[in-house]
Protein backbone atom coordinates (compact mmCIF):
# COMPACT_ATOMS: atom_id res chain seq x y z
CA MET A 1 42.75 131.43 167.33
CA THR A 2 42.88 127.70 168.07
CA LYS A 3 41.92 126.09 171.35
CA GLN A 4 45.59 125.36 172.12
CA GLU A 5 46.52 129.04 171.54
CA PHE A 6 43.69 130.13 173.79
CA LEU A 7 44.76 127.71 176.55
CA ASN A 8 48.42 128.90 176.26
CA ASN A 9 47.18 132.49 176.61
CA PHE A 10 44.97 131.54 179.54
CA ALA A 11 47.96 129.86 181.24
CA GLN A 12 50.02 133.06 180.87
CA LYS A 13 47.45 135.42 182.27
CA GLU A 14 47.74 136.86 185.76
CA LYS A 15 45.51 134.65 187.93
CA PRO A 16 43.16 135.96 190.70
CA LYS A 17 44.69 136.17 194.13
CA ASP A 18 41.62 134.85 195.90
CA THR A 19 38.93 132.28 195.38
CA THR A 20 36.11 134.88 195.16
CA SER A 21 37.75 136.38 192.08
CA ALA A 22 38.49 132.99 190.48
CA MET A 23 34.99 132.20 189.13
CA PRO A 24 34.41 135.56 187.49
CA PHE A 25 37.87 135.25 185.95
CA LEU A 26 37.10 131.75 184.63
CA MET A 27 33.65 132.78 183.26
CA GLU A 28 35.10 135.80 181.46
CA SER A 29 37.83 133.62 179.93
CA ILE A 30 35.17 131.11 178.78
CA LYS A 31 33.05 133.93 177.24
CA GLU A 32 36.13 135.23 175.43
CA ALA A 33 36.75 131.72 174.03
CA LYS A 34 33.15 131.45 172.88
CA ARG A 35 33.51 134.84 171.06
CA ASN A 36 36.38 133.18 169.26
CA GLY A 37 34.38 130.13 168.40
CA ILE A 38 36.05 127.89 170.92
CA GLU A 39 34.04 125.44 173.05
CA PHE A 40 35.19 123.44 176.01
CA THR A 41 34.14 120.02 177.30
CA LYS A 42 33.16 119.67 180.93
CA GLU A 43 36.40 117.87 181.51
CA GLU A 44 38.38 120.81 180.11
CA VAL A 45 36.47 123.34 182.21
CA TYR A 46 37.09 121.09 185.31
CA SER A 47 40.81 121.14 184.48
CA MET A 48 40.82 124.90 184.17
CA CYS A 49 39.04 125.15 187.57
CA THR A 50 41.53 122.79 189.19
CA GLU A 51 44.49 124.81 187.93
CA LEU A 52 42.86 128.01 189.11
CA SER A 53 42.25 126.61 192.56
CA LYS A 54 45.83 125.46 192.84
CA THR A 55 46.99 128.98 191.99
CA CYS A 56 44.61 130.53 194.59
CA LEU A 57 45.65 128.08 197.25
CA ARG A 58 49.44 128.74 196.62
CA LYS A 59 48.86 132.49 196.90
CA THR A 60 46.74 132.16 200.03
CA ALA A 61 49.33 129.82 201.60
CA GLY A 62 52.07 132.33 200.89
CA ARG A 63 50.08 135.12 202.62
CA LEU A 64 49.41 132.87 205.61
CA LYS A 65 53.14 132.09 205.99
CA SER A 66 53.79 135.79 206.16
CA PHE A 67 51.77 136.15 209.43
């Protein structure tokens, strides 16, 4: 599996619904990558964190609008 394939799979995965689940989700994804011989730079991990936080914020905002 190439890094690009891994990132494509990561992008397609169901993301956590809250921020408390985001870090374990990210860490497990990074461990999976390492098992496949894929390493990430700090910048790449930061980008993954940024995308996860956007997803969590959108889901949280949607729940807040329903109140």
